[in-house]
Amino acid sequence: MSESGDEKMGVAKPIKPMNIQFENDQQERDFEKWAYSNKKSMSESAKRVRAGLKAYREAKKRFGR
């Protein structure tokens, strides 16, 4: 029995897009305080928000905003 490439491939999962835009710097700081507060939720949606915020910060550094 030979193995084809299809048999070796994993299952593709859809990307969950996240777009975070703030009207001003104060709104951004308030959101960061909420996202990283001591009362962290461990729900999947809260984890996605924190991951999205991390990506936003990295992009902000890259593009020098």
N, C-alpha and C. Protein backbone atom coordinates (compact mmCIF):
# COMPACT_ATOMS: atom_id res chain seq x y z
N MET A 1 0.85 -1.18 0.00
CA MET A 1 0.00 0.00 0.00
C MET A 1 0.90 1.23 0.00
N SER A 2 0.76 2.06 -1.00
CA SER A 2 1.59 3.26 -1.08
C SER A 2 0.86 4.44 -0.44
N GLU A 3 1.66 5.36 0.07
CA GLU A 3 1.06 6.54 0.71
C GLU A 3 1.04 7.69 -0.28
N SER A 4 -0.10 8.26 -0.49
CA SER A 4 -0.17 9.43 -1.36
C SER A 4 -0.07 10.68 -0.49
N GLY A 5 0.17 11.80 -1.11
CA GLY A 5 0.26 13.05 -0.37
C GLY A 5 -1.02 13.38 0.37
N ASP A 6 -2.17 13.00 -0.20
CA ASP A 6 -3.45 13.29 0.43
C ASP A 6 -3.59 12.60 1.78
N GLU A 7 -3.04 11.40 1.88
CA GLU A 7 -3.16 10.66 3.13
C GLU A 7 -2.29 11.26 4.23
N LYS A 8 -1.20 11.94 3.84
CA LYS A 8 -0.29 12.53 4.81
C LYS A 8 -0.75 13.91 5.28
N MET A 9 -1.59 14.54 4.50
CA MET A 9 -2.01 15.91 4.82
C MET A 9 -2.96 15.93 6.01
N GLY A 10 -2.82 16.96 6.83
CA GLY A 10 -3.73 17.14 7.95
C GLY A 10 -5.00 17.83 7.50
N VAL A 11 -5.89 18.02 8.40
CA VAL A 11 -7.15 18.68 8.11
C VAL A 11 -6.95 20.18 8.20
N ALA A 12 -7.39 20.90 7.19
CA ALA A 12 -7.28 22.36 7.19
C ALA A 12 -8.41 22.94 8.03
N LYS A 13 -8.07 23.88 8.89
CA LYS A 13 -9.07 24.53 9.72
C LYS A 13 -9.28 25.95 9.21
N PRO A 14 -10.51 26.44 9.23
CA PRO A 14 -10.75 27.79 8.74
C PRO A 14 -10.09 28.83 9.65
N ILE A 15 -9.63 29.90 9.04
CA ILE A 15 -9.04 31.00 9.80
C ILE A 15 -10.17 31.87 10.32
N LYS A 16 -10.07 32.24 11.58
CA LYS A 16 -11.08 33.13 12.16
C LYS A 16 -10.51 34.54 12.13
N PRO A 17 -10.94 35.35 11.18
CA PRO A 17 -10.36 36.68 11.05
C PRO A 17 -10.75 37.58 12.22
N MET A 18 -9.84 38.46 12.57
CA MET A 18 -10.10 39.43 13.63
C MET A 18 -9.52 40.76 13.19
N ASN A 19 -10.31 41.77 13.26
CA ASN A 19 -9.87 43.10 12.88
C ASN A 19 -10.13 44.02 14.06
N ILE A 20 -9.07 44.53 14.66
CA ILE A 20 -9.22 45.43 15.81
C ILE A 20 -8.82 46.82 15.37
N GLN A 21 -9.75 47.76 15.49
CA GLN A 21 -9.46 49.15 15.16
C GLN A 21 -9.94 50.02 16.31
N PHE A 22 -9.12 50.99 16.67
CA PHE A 22 -9.45 51.89 17.77
C PHE A 22 -9.60 53.31 17.24
N GLU A 23 -10.49 54.06 17.86
CA GLU A 23 -10.70 55.44 17.44
C GLU A 23 -9.58 56.34 17.94
N ASN A 24 -9.00 55.99 19.11
CA ASN A 24 -7.92 56.82 19.66
C ASN A 24 -7.05 55.96 20.58
N ASP A 25 -5.95 56.55 21.04
CA ASP A 25 -5.01 55.81 21.89
C ASP A 25 -5.61 55.44 23.24
N GLN A 26 -6.47 56.29 23.78
CA GLN A 26 -7.09 55.99 25.08
C GLN A 26 -7.97 54.75 24.97
N GLN A 27 -8.72 54.64 23.92
CA GLN A 27 -9.57 53.47 23.71
C GLN A 27 -8.71 52.21 23.60
N GLU A 28 -7.57 52.32 22.93
CA GLU A 28 -6.65 51.19 22.81
C GLU A 28 -6.11 50.78 24.18
N ARG A 29 -5.71 51.74 25.00
CA ARG A 29 -5.19 51.43 26.34
C ARG A 29 -6.26 50.80 27.22
N ASP A 30 -7.48 51.31 27.16
CA ASP A 30 -8.58 50.73 27.94
C ASP A 30 -8.85 49.28 27.53
N PHE A 31 -8.79 49.02 26.24
CA PHE A 31 -9.01 47.66 25.76
C PHE A 31 -7.90 46.73 26.25
N GLU A 32 -6.65 47.19 26.19
CA GLU A 32 -5.53 46.38 26.67
C GLU A 32 -5.67 46.08 28.16
N LYS A 33 -6.09 47.07 28.95
CA LYS A 33 -6.30 46.83 30.39
C LYS A 33 -7.36 45.75 30.60
N TRP A 34 -8.44 45.83 29.82
CA TRP A 34 -9.49 44.83 29.95
C TRP A 34 -8.99 43.45 29.53
N ALA A 35 -8.30 43.38 28.40
CA ALA A 35 -7.86 42.09 27.86
C ALA A 35 -6.85 41.40 28.77
N TYR A 36 -6.03 42.17 29.47
CA TYR A 36 -4.98 41.59 30.30
C TYR A 36 -5.23 41.81 31.79
N SER A 37 -6.48 41.99 32.17
CA SER A 37 -6.80 42.20 33.58
C SER A 37 -6.61 40.91 34.37
N ASN A 38 -6.64 41.02 35.69
CA ASN A 38 -6.50 39.85 36.55
C ASN A 38 -7.72 38.93 36.47
N LYS A 39 -8.82 39.46 36.01
CA LYS A 39 -10.06 38.67 35.91
C LYS A 39 -10.15 38.06 34.51
N LYS A 40 -9.12 37.35 34.11
CA LYS A 40 -9.07 36.77 32.76
C LYS A 40 -10.10 35.67 32.59
N SER A 41 -10.74 35.72 31.47
CA SER A 41 -11.62 34.64 31.08
C SER A 41 -10.78 33.65 30.28
N MET A 42 -11.01 32.39 30.48
CA MET A 42 -10.26 31.37 29.73
C MET A 42 -11.13 30.79 28.61
N SER A 43 -12.19 31.51 28.24
CA SER A 43 -13.04 31.03 27.15
C SER A 43 -12.28 31.13 25.83
N GLU A 44 -12.73 30.39 24.85
CA GLU A 44 -12.07 30.41 23.54
C GLU A 44 -12.13 31.80 22.92
N SER A 45 -13.25 32.50 23.09
CA SER A 45 -13.36 33.83 22.50
C SER A 45 -12.38 34.81 23.16
N ALA A 46 -12.21 34.71 24.47
CA ALA A 46 -11.26 35.59 25.16
C ALA A 46 -9.83 35.28 24.73
N LYS A 47 -9.52 34.01 24.52
CA LYS A 47 -8.19 33.64 24.04
C LYS A 47 -7.94 34.21 22.65
N ARG A 48 -8.97 34.18 21.79
CA ARG A 48 -8.83 34.75 20.44
C ARG A 48 -8.62 36.25 20.50
N VAL A 49 -9.30 36.92 21.44
CA VAL A 49 -9.13 38.37 21.58
C VAL A 49 -7.70 38.68 21.99
N ARG A 50 -7.17 37.94 22.95
CA ARG A 50 -5.79 38.19 23.39
C ARG A 50 -4.80 37.90 22.26
N ALA A 51 -5.04 36.84 21.50
CA ALA A 51 -4.15 36.52 20.37
C ALA A 51 -4.24 37.61 19.30
N GLY A 52 -5.45 38.10 19.06
CA GLY A 52 -5.63 39.18 18.09
C GLY A 52 -4.95 40.46 18.53
N LEU A 53 -5.03 40.75 19.82
CA LEU A 53 -4.38 41.94 20.35
C LEU A 53 -2.86 41.82 20.23
N LYS A 54 -2.34 40.64 20.47
CA LYS A 54 -0.90 40.42 20.32
C LYS A 54 -0.49 40.65 18.86
N ALA A 55 -1.26 40.13 17.93
CA ALA A 55 -0.96 40.32 16.50
C ALA A 55 -1.05 41.79 16.13
N TYR A 56 -2.03 42.49 16.70
CA TYR A 56 -2.20 43.92 16.44
C TYR A 56 -0.97 44.70 16.91
N ARG A 57 -0.50 44.38 18.11
CA ARG A 57 0.69 45.07 18.65
C ARG A 57 1.91 44.82 17.77
N GLU A 58 2.09 43.57 17.34
CA GLU A 58 3.23 43.24 16.49
C GLU A 58 3.15 43.97 15.16
N ALA A 59 1.96 44.05 14.57
CA ALA A 59 1.79 44.77 13.30
C ALA A 59 2.04 46.26 13.50
N LYS A 60 1.59 46.77 14.63
CA LYS A 60 1.78 48.19 14.93
C LYS A 60 3.27 48.52 15.02
N LYS A 61 4.04 47.62 15.65
CA LYS A 61 5.50 47.82 15.74
C LYS A 61 6.15 47.74 14.36
N ARG A 62 5.70 46.77 13.56
CA ARG A 62 6.29 46.58 12.23
C ARG A 62 6.07 47.79 11.34
N PHE A 63 4.87 48.35 11.39
CA PHE A 63 4.52 49.45 10.50
C PHE A 63 4.79 50.81 11.13
N GLY A 64 5.29 50.81 12.35
CA GLY A 64 5.73 52.04 13.00
C GLY A 64 4.64 53.04 13.31
N ARG A 65 3.47 52.58 13.65
CA ARG A 65 2.39 53.50 14.01
C ARG A 65 2.56 54.01 15.40
